PDB file of all heavy atoms in Angstrom:
ATOM      1  N   SER A   1     -10.395  10.061   2.733  1.00  0.00           N
ATOM      2  CA  SER A   1      -8.969   9.596   2.843  1.00  0.00           C
ATOM      3  C   SER A   1      -8.147  10.337   1.905  1.00  0.00           C
ATOM      4  O   SER A   1      -8.594  10.626   0.713  1.00  0.00           O
ATOM      5  CB  SER A   1      -8.957   8.100   2.536  1.00  0.00           C
ATOM      6  OG  SER A   1      -7.579   7.641   2.515  1.00  0.00           O
ATOM      7  N   ASP A   2      -6.939  10.685   2.307  1.00  0.00           N
ATOM      8  CA  ASP A   2      -6.046  11.405   1.375  1.00  0.00           C
ATOM      9  C   ASP A   2      -5.315  10.511   0.432  1.00  0.00           C
ATOM     10  O   ASP A   2      -4.638  10.984  -0.476  1.00  0.00           O
ATOM     11  CB  ASP A   2      -5.063  12.328   2.170  1.00  0.00           C
ATOM     12  CG  ASP A   2      -4.298  11.569   3.271  1.00  0.00           C
ATOM     13  OD1 ASP A   2      -4.972  11.212   4.264  1.00  0.00           O
ATOM     14  OD2 ASP A   2      -3.145  11.367   3.175  1.00  0.00           O
ATOM     15  N   MET A   3      -5.440   9.181   0.581  1.00  0.00           N
ATOM     16  CA  MET A   3      -4.891   8.224  -0.400  1.00  0.00           C
ATOM     17  C   MET A   3      -5.847   7.096  -0.642  1.00  0.00           C
ATOM     18  O   MET A   3      -6.576   6.703   0.259  1.00  0.00           O
ATOM     19  CB  MET A   3      -3.533   7.677   0.139  1.00  0.00           C
ATOM     20  CG  MET A   3      -2.479   8.734   0.386  1.00  0.00           C
ATOM     21  SD  MET A   3      -0.844   7.987   0.593  1.00  0.00           S
ATOM     22  CE  MET A   3      -0.479   7.667  -1.155  1.00  0.00           C
ATOM     23  N   PRO A   4      -5.863   6.521  -1.841  1.00  0.00           N
ATOM     24  CA  PRO A   4      -6.714   5.389  -2.188  1.00  0.00           C
ATOM     25  C   PRO A   4      -6.215   4.102  -1.532  1.00  0.00           C
ATOM     26  O   PRO A   4      -5.010   4.002  -1.074  1.00  0.00           O
ATOM     27  CB  PRO A   4      -6.698   5.308  -3.739  1.00  0.00           C
ATOM     28  CG  PRO A   4      -5.405   5.943  -4.056  1.00  0.00           C
ATOM     29  CD  PRO A   4      -5.105   7.009  -3.086  1.00  0.00           C
ATOM     30  N   ILE A   5      -7.054   3.124  -1.472  1.00  0.00           N
ATOM     31  CA  ILE A   5      -6.765   1.858  -0.732  1.00  0.00           C
ATOM     32  C   ILE A   5      -6.009   0.906  -1.692  1.00  0.00           C
ATOM     33  O   ILE A   5      -4.951   0.373  -1.297  1.00  0.00           O
ATOM     34  CB  ILE A   5      -8.083   1.192  -0.211  1.00  0.00           C
ATOM     35  CG1 ILE A   5      -8.660   2.111   0.864  1.00  0.00           C
ATOM     36  CG2 ILE A   5      -7.790  -0.217   0.313  1.00  0.00           C
ATOM     37  CD1 ILE A   5     -10.018   1.647   1.291  1.00  0.00           C
ATOM     38  N   GLY A   6      -6.552   0.555  -2.787  1.00  0.00           N
ATOM     39  CA  GLY A   6      -6.074  -0.498  -3.659  1.00  0.00           C
ATOM     40  C   GLY A   6      -5.190  -0.105  -4.813  1.00  0.00           C
ATOM     41  O   GLY A   6      -4.669  -1.003  -5.503  1.00  0.00           O
ATOM     42  N   MET A   7      -4.998   1.167  -4.993  1.00  0.00           N
ATOM     43  CA  MET A   7      -4.028   1.618  -6.047  1.00  0.00           C
ATOM     44  C   MET A   7      -2.641   1.619  -5.525  1.00  0.00           C
ATOM     45  O   MET A   7      -2.378   2.023  -4.402  1.00  0.00           O
ATOM     46  CB  MET A   7      -4.443   3.064  -6.505  1.00  0.00           C
ATOM     47  CG  MET A   7      -5.679   3.206  -7.272  1.00  0.00           C
ATOM     48  SD  MET A   7      -5.984   4.978  -7.499  1.00  0.00           S
ATOM     49  CE  MET A   7      -7.021   4.898  -8.934  1.00  0.00           C
ATOM     50  N   ILE A   8      -1.704   1.135  -6.323  1.00  0.00           N
ATOM     51  CA  ILE A   8      -0.288   1.109  -5.956  1.00  0.00           C
ATOM     52  C   ILE A   8       0.317   2.498  -6.216  1.00  0.00           C
ATOM     53  O   ILE A   8       0.289   2.954  -7.322  1.00  0.00           O
ATOM     54  CB  ILE A   8       0.420  -0.028  -6.652  1.00  0.00           C
ATOM     55  CG1 ILE A   8      -0.143  -1.396  -6.252  1.00  0.00           C
ATOM     56  CG2 ILE A   8       1.929   0.012  -6.328  1.00  0.00           C
ATOM     57  CD1 ILE A   8       0.485  -2.564  -6.941  1.00  0.00           C
ATOM     58  N   VAL A   9       0.893   3.039  -5.186  1.00  0.00           N
ATOM     59  CA  VAL A   9       1.607   4.365  -5.286  1.00  0.00           C
ATOM     60  C   VAL A   9       3.050   4.096  -4.762  1.00  0.00           C
ATOM     61  O   VAL A   9       3.242   3.794  -3.568  1.00  0.00           O
ATOM     62  CB  VAL A   9       0.972   5.437  -4.455  1.00  0.00           C
ATOM     63  CG1 VAL A   9       1.691   6.769  -4.704  1.00  0.00           C
ATOM     64  CG2 VAL A   9      -0.539   5.589  -4.894  1.00  0.00           C
ATOM     65  N   ARG A  10       4.013   4.169  -5.631  1.00  0.00           N
ATOM     66  CA  ARG A  10       5.376   3.788  -5.288  1.00  0.00           C
ATOM     67  C   ARG A  10       6.200   5.014  -4.827  1.00  0.00           C
ATOM     68  O   ARG A  10       5.881   6.174  -5.168  1.00  0.00           O
ATOM     69  CB  ARG A  10       6.093   3.171  -6.436  1.00  0.00           C
ATOM     70  CG  ARG A  10       5.447   1.825  -6.926  1.00  0.00           C
ATOM     71  CD  ARG A  10       6.155   1.216  -8.139  1.00  0.00           C
ATOM     72  NE  ARG A  10       5.465   0.007  -8.590  1.00  0.00           N
ATOM     73  CZ  ARG A  10       5.550  -1.177  -8.076  1.00  0.00           C
ATOM     74  NH1 ARG A  10       6.389  -1.386  -7.054  1.00  0.00           N
ATOM     75  NH2 ARG A  10       4.889  -2.166  -8.600  1.00  0.00           N
ATOM     76  N   ASP A  11       7.167   4.720  -4.005  1.00  0.00           N
ATOM     77  CA  ASP A  11       8.161   5.701  -3.683  1.00  0.00           C
ATOM     78  C   ASP A  11       9.535   5.152  -4.000  1.00  0.00           C
ATOM     79  O   ASP A  11      10.173   4.440  -3.261  1.00  0.00           O
ATOM     80  CB  ASP A  11       8.117   5.990  -2.123  1.00  0.00           C
ATOM     81  CG  ASP A  11       9.062   7.019  -1.684  1.00  0.00           C
ATOM     82  OD1 ASP A  11       9.580   7.805  -2.522  1.00  0.00           O
ATOM     83  OD2 ASP A  11       9.328   7.192  -0.443  1.00  0.00           O
ATOM     84  N   GLY A  12       9.930   5.450  -5.253  1.00  0.00           N
ATOM     85  CA  GLY A  12      11.213   4.867  -5.762  1.00  0.00           C
ATOM     86  C   GLY A  12      10.938   3.492  -6.287  1.00  0.00           C
ATOM     87  O   GLY A  12       9.784   3.103  -6.585  1.00  0.00           O
ATOM     88  N   ASP A  13      11.982   2.687  -6.480  1.00  0.00           N
ATOM     89  CA  ASP A  13      11.836   1.380  -7.111  1.00  0.00           C
ATOM     90  C   ASP A  13      11.426   0.280  -6.179  1.00  0.00           C
ATOM     91  O   ASP A  13      10.784  -0.692  -6.580  1.00  0.00           O
ATOM     92  CB  ASP A  13      13.230   0.988  -7.721  1.00  0.00           C
ATOM     93  CG  ASP A  13      13.661   1.930  -8.838  1.00  0.00           C
ATOM     94  OD1 ASP A  13      12.751   2.435  -9.512  1.00  0.00           O
ATOM     95  OD2 ASP A  13      14.892   2.049  -9.081  1.00  0.00           O
ATOM     96  N   GLU A  14      11.695   0.419  -4.841  1.00  0.00           N
ATOM     97  CA  GLU A  14      11.476  -0.694  -3.951  1.00  0.00           C
ATOM     98  C   GLU A  14      10.418  -0.370  -2.830  1.00  0.00           C
ATOM     99  O   GLU A  14       9.776  -1.242  -2.327  1.00  0.00           O
ATOM    100  CB  GLU A  14      12.786  -1.090  -3.252  1.00  0.00           C
ATOM    101  CG  GLU A  14      13.874  -1.581  -4.190  1.00  0.00           C
ATOM    102  CD  GLU A  14      15.086  -1.968  -3.440  1.00  0.00           C
ATOM    103  OE1 GLU A  14      15.150  -1.800  -2.224  1.00  0.00           O
ATOM    104  OE2 GLU A  14      16.005  -2.499  -4.104  1.00  0.00           O
ATOM    105  N   ASN A  15      10.234   0.909  -2.567  1.00  0.00           N
ATOM    106  CA  ASN A  15       9.348   1.272  -1.427  1.00  0.00           C
ATOM    107  C   ASN A  15       7.927   1.695  -1.962  1.00  0.00           C
ATOM    108  O   ASN A  15       7.748   2.029  -3.112  1.00  0.00           O
ATOM    109  CB  ASN A  15      10.011   2.407  -0.661  1.00  0.00           C
ATOM    110  CG  ASN A  15      11.296   2.007  -0.028  1.00  0.00           C
ATOM    111  OD1 ASN A  15      11.495   0.792   0.283  1.00  0.00           O
ATOM    112  ND2 ASN A  15      12.172   2.963   0.247  1.00  0.00           N
ATOM    113  N   PHE A  16       7.045   1.690  -1.018  1.00  0.00           N
ATOM    114  CA  PHE A  16       5.644   2.051  -1.329  1.00  0.00           C
ATOM    115  C   PHE A  16       5.244   3.267  -0.463  1.00  0.00           C
ATOM    116  O   PHE A  16       5.654   3.429   0.708  1.00  0.00           O
ATOM    117  CB  PHE A  16       4.724   0.912  -1.140  1.00  0.00           C
ATOM    118  CG  PHE A  16       4.963  -0.245  -2.095  1.00  0.00           C
ATOM    119  CD1 PHE A  16       5.846  -1.220  -1.783  1.00  0.00           C
ATOM    120  CD2 PHE A  16       4.277  -0.298  -3.323  1.00  0.00           C
ATOM    121  CE1 PHE A  16       6.126  -2.298  -2.688  1.00  0.00           C
ATOM    122  CE2 PHE A  16       4.574  -1.328  -4.183  1.00  0.00           C
ATOM    123  CZ  PHE A  16       5.472  -2.353  -3.880  1.00  0.00           C
ATOM    124  N   GLU A  17       4.289   4.034  -1.024  1.00  0.00           N
ATOM    125  CA  GLU A  17       3.887   5.295  -0.434  1.00  0.00           C
ATOM    126  C   GLU A  17       2.575   5.200   0.312  1.00  0.00           C
ATOM    127  O   GLU A  17       2.391   5.905   1.286  1.00  0.00           O
ATOM    128  CB  GLU A  17       3.793   6.365  -1.560  1.00  0.00           C
ATOM    129  CG  GLU A  17       4.343   7.683  -1.126  1.00  0.00           C
ATOM    130  CD  GLU A  17       3.283   8.676  -1.078  1.00  0.00           C
ATOM    131  OE1 GLU A  17       2.416   8.748  -1.982  1.00  0.00           O
ATOM    132  OE2 GLU A  17       3.246   9.429  -0.076  1.00  0.00           O
ATOM    133  N   ASN A  18       1.704   4.323  -0.190  1.00  0.00           N
ATOM    134  CA  ASN A  18       0.395   4.190   0.573  1.00  0.00           C
ATOM    135  C   ASN A  18       0.331   2.806   1.138  1.00  0.00           C
ATOM    136  O   ASN A  18       1.379   2.171   1.464  1.00  0.00           O
ATOM    137  CB  ASN A  18      -0.776   4.483  -0.348  1.00  0.00           C
ATOM    138  CG  ASN A  18      -0.898   3.557  -1.504  1.00  0.00           C
ATOM    139  OD1 ASN A  18      -0.007   2.889  -1.869  1.00  0.00           O
ATOM    140  ND2 ASN A  18      -2.125   3.490  -2.088  1.00  0.00           N
ATOM    141  N   GLY A  19      -0.840   2.247   1.327  1.00  0.00           N
ATOM    142  CA  GLY A  19      -0.944   0.920   1.885  1.00  0.00           C
ATOM    143  C   GLY A  19      -0.703  -0.201   0.889  1.00  0.00           C
ATOM    144  O   GLY A  19      -0.051  -1.180   1.252  1.00  0.00           O
ATOM    145  N   ALA A  20      -1.148  -0.060  -0.353  1.00  0.00           N
ATOM    146  CA  ALA A  20      -1.019  -1.101  -1.332  1.00  0.00           C
ATOM    147  C   ALA A  20       0.408  -1.406  -1.628  1.00  0.00           C
ATOM    148  O   ALA A  20       1.204  -0.494  -1.839  1.00  0.00           O
ATOM    149  CB  ALA A  20      -1.762  -0.715  -2.643  1.00  0.00           C
ATOM    150  N   ASN A  21       0.770  -2.718  -1.694  1.00  0.00           N
ATOM    151  CA  ASN A  21       2.108  -3.108  -1.934  1.00  0.00           C
ATOM    152  C   ASN A  21       2.282  -4.211  -2.870  1.00  0.00           C
ATOM    153  O   ASN A  21       3.330  -4.926  -2.941  1.00  0.00           O
ATOM    154  CB  ASN A  21       2.764  -3.500  -0.541  1.00  0.00           C
ATOM    155  CG  ASN A  21       1.951  -4.607   0.167  1.00  0.00           C
ATOM    156  OD1 ASN A  21       1.008  -5.135  -0.430  1.00  0.00           O
ATOM    157  ND2 ASN A  21       2.258  -4.859   1.402  1.00  0.00           N
ATOM    158  N   GLY A  22       1.271  -4.516  -3.725  1.00  0.00           N
ATOM    159  CA  GLY A  22       1.254  -5.605  -4.601  1.00  0.00           C
ATOM    160  C   GLY A  22       0.331  -6.733  -4.072  1.00  0.00           C
ATOM    161  O   GLY A  22      -0.042  -6.763  -2.968  1.00  0.00           O
ATOM    162  N   ASP A  23       0.032  -7.659  -5.033  1.00  0.00           N
ATOM    163  CA  ASP A  23      -0.922  -8.775  -4.625  1.00  0.00           C
ATOM    164  C   ASP A  23      -0.447  -9.583  -3.428  1.00  0.00           C
ATOM    165  O   ASP A  23       0.799  -9.774  -3.309  1.00  0.00           O
ATOM    166  CB  ASP A  23      -1.101  -9.657  -5.874  1.00  0.00           C
ATOM    167  CG  ASP A  23      -1.849  -8.923  -6.974  1.00  0.00           C
ATOM    168  OD1 ASP A  23      -2.380  -7.884  -6.744  1.00  0.00           O
ATOM    169  OD2 ASP A  23      -1.834  -9.519  -8.113  1.00  0.00           O
ATOM    170  N   GLY A  24      -1.445 -10.008  -2.642  1.00  0.00           N
ATOM    171  CA  GLY A  24      -1.099 -10.888  -1.568  1.00  0.00           C
ATOM    172  C   GLY A  24      -1.837 -10.566  -0.296  1.00  0.00           C
ATOM    173  O   GLY A  24      -2.775  -9.689  -0.301  1.00  0.00           O
ATOM    174  N   PRO A  25      -1.483 -11.141   0.826  1.00  0.00           N
ATOM    175  CA  PRO A  25      -2.174 -10.892   2.069  1.00  0.00           C
ATOM    176  C   PRO A  25      -1.902  -9.489   2.568  1.00  0.00           C
ATOM    177  O   PRO A  25      -0.992  -8.782   2.058  1.00  0.00           O
ATOM    178  CB  PRO A  25      -1.558 -11.931   3.012  1.00  0.00           C
ATOM    179  CG  PRO A  25      -0.224 -12.218   2.451  1.00  0.00           C
ATOM    180  CD  PRO A  25      -0.293 -12.102   0.963  1.00  0.00           C
ATOM    181  N   ALA A  26      -2.632  -9.104   3.652  1.00  0.00           N
ATOM    182  CA  ALA A  26      -2.482  -7.761   4.252  1.00  0.00           C
ATOM    183  C   ALA A  26      -1.141  -7.786   5.034  1.00  0.00           C
ATOM    184  O   ALA A  26      -0.984  -8.464   6.019  1.00  0.00           O
ATOM    185  CB  ALA A  26      -3.610  -7.498   5.192  1.00  0.00           C
ATOM    186  N   LEU A  27      -0.190  -6.930   4.526  1.00  0.00           N
ATOM    187  CA  LEU A  27       1.103  -6.818   5.187  1.00  0.00           C
ATOM    188  C   LEU A  27       1.400  -5.273   5.346  1.00  0.00           C
ATOM    189  O   LEU A  27       0.797  -4.459   4.730  1.00  0.00           O
ATOM    190  CB  LEU A  27       2.204  -7.386   4.268  1.00  0.00           C
ATOM    191  CG  LEU A  27       2.141  -8.914   4.031  1.00  0.00           C
ATOM    192  CD1 LEU A  27       3.190  -9.335   3.009  1.00  0.00           C
ATOM    193  CD2 LEU A  27       2.291  -9.656   5.324  1.00  0.00           C
ATOM    194  N   GLY A  28       2.339  -5.002   6.204  1.00  0.00           N
ATOM    195  CA  GLY A  28       2.747  -3.616   6.445  1.00  0.00           C
ATOM    196  C   GLY A  28       1.579  -2.692   6.788  1.00  0.00           C
ATOM    197  O   GLY A  28       0.802  -2.982   7.624  1.00  0.00           O
ATOM    198  N   ARG A  29       1.520  -1.589   6.084  1.00  0.00           N
ATOM    199  CA  ARG A  29       0.485  -0.602   6.368  1.00  0.00           C
ATOM    200  C   ARG A  29      -0.935  -1.127   5.962  1.00  0.00           C
ATOM    201  O   ARG A  29      -1.908  -0.609   6.518  1.00  0.00           O
ATOM    202  CB  ARG A  29       0.762   0.675   5.515  1.00  0.00           C
ATOM    203  CG  ARG A  29       1.969   1.433   5.962  1.00  0.00           C
ATOM    204  CD  ARG A  29       2.298   2.570   5.053  1.00  0.00           C
ATOM    205  NE  ARG A  29       3.480   3.314   5.465  1.00  0.00           N
ATOM    206  CZ  ARG A  29       4.194   4.096   4.673  1.00  0.00           C
ATOM    207  NH1 ARG A  29       3.888   4.198   3.404  1.00  0.00           N
ATOM    208  NH2 ARG A  29       5.255   4.764   5.171  1.00  0.00           N
ATOM    209  N   GLU A  30      -1.001  -2.101   5.136  1.00  0.00           N
ATOM    210  CA  GLU A  30      -2.314  -2.657   4.789  1.00  0.00           C
ATOM    211  C   GLU A  30      -3.045  -3.186   6.001  1.00  0.00           C
ATOM    212  O   GLU A  30      -4.275  -3.267   6.022  1.00  0.00           O
ATOM    213  CB  GLU A  30      -2.156  -3.818   3.785  1.00  0.00           C
ATOM    214  CG  GLU A  30      -1.781  -3.372   2.372  1.00  0.00           C
ATOM    215  CD  GLU A  30      -1.617  -4.545   1.452  1.00  0.00           C
ATOM    216  OE1 GLU A  30      -1.060  -5.558   1.891  1.00  0.00           O
ATOM    217  OE2 GLU A  30      -2.075  -4.445   0.315  1.00  0.00           O
ATOM    218  N   GLN A  31      -2.276  -3.539   7.090  1.00  0.00           N
ATOM    219  CA  GLN A  31      -2.973  -4.117   8.253  1.00  0.00           C
ATOM    220  C   GLN A  31      -3.854  -3.066   8.941  1.00  0.00           C
ATOM    221  O   GLN A  31      -4.836  -3.448   9.584  1.00  0.00           O
ATOM    222  CB  GLN A  31      -1.929  -4.701   9.167  1.00  0.00           C
ATOM    223  CG  GLN A  31      -1.309  -5.958   8.561  1.00  0.00           C
ATOM    224  CD  GLN A  31      -0.503  -6.741   9.567  1.00  0.00           C
ATOM    225  OE1 GLN A  31      -0.662  -6.609  10.794  1.00  0.00           O
ATOM    226  NE2 GLN A  31       0.297  -7.667   9.067  1.00  0.00           N
ATOM    227  N   ASP A  32      -3.504  -1.787   8.836  1.00  0.00           N
ATOM    228  CA  ASP A  32      -4.382  -0.723   9.452  1.00  0.00           C
ATOM    229  C   ASP A  32      -5.657  -0.725   8.667  1.00  0.00           C
ATOM    230  O   ASP A  32      -6.767  -0.587   9.310  1.00  0.00           O
ATOM    231  CB  ASP A  32      -3.690   0.653   9.387  1.00  0.00           C
ATOM    232  CG  ASP A  32      -2.748   0.846  10.581  1.00  0.00           C
ATOM    233  OD1 ASP A  32      -2.560  -0.084  11.370  1.00  0.00           O
ATOM    234  OD2 ASP A  32      -2.214   1.989  10.654  1.00  0.00           O
ATOM    235  N   ILE A  33      -5.618  -0.792   7.383  1.00  0.00           N
ATOM    236  CA  ILE A  33      -6.850  -0.779   6.556  1.00  0.00           C
ATOM    237  C   ILE A  33      -7.603  -2.044   6.886  1.00  0.00           C
ATOM    238  O   ILE A  33      -8.875  -1.972   6.993  1.00  0.00           O
ATOM    239  CB  ILE A  33      -6.508  -0.687   5.040  1.00  0.00           C
ATOM    240  CG1 ILE A  33      -5.650   0.560   4.738  1.00  0.00           C
ATOM    241  CG2 ILE A  33      -7.777  -0.701   4.231  1.00  0.00           C
ATOM    242  CD1 ILE A  33      -6.322   1.914   5.166  1.00  0.00           C
ATOM    243  N   ALA A  34      -6.987  -3.203   6.971  1.00  0.00           N
ATOM    244  CA  ALA A  34      -7.705  -4.394   7.267  1.00  0.00           C
ATOM    245  C   ALA A  34      -8.387  -4.336   8.612  1.00  0.00           C
ATOM    246  O   ALA A  34      -9.523  -4.778   8.815  1.00  0.00           O
ATOM    247  CB  ALA A  34      -6.739  -5.572   7.248  1.00  0.00           C
TER     248      ALA A  34
END
């Protein structure tokens, strides 16, 4: 994989660059990993 699963990689202050988006259920791109 070109990006890790559980590490948070941000794009600016509000957006995220990979799947991880902070603690909680699988949302957004995390659902592909799930």
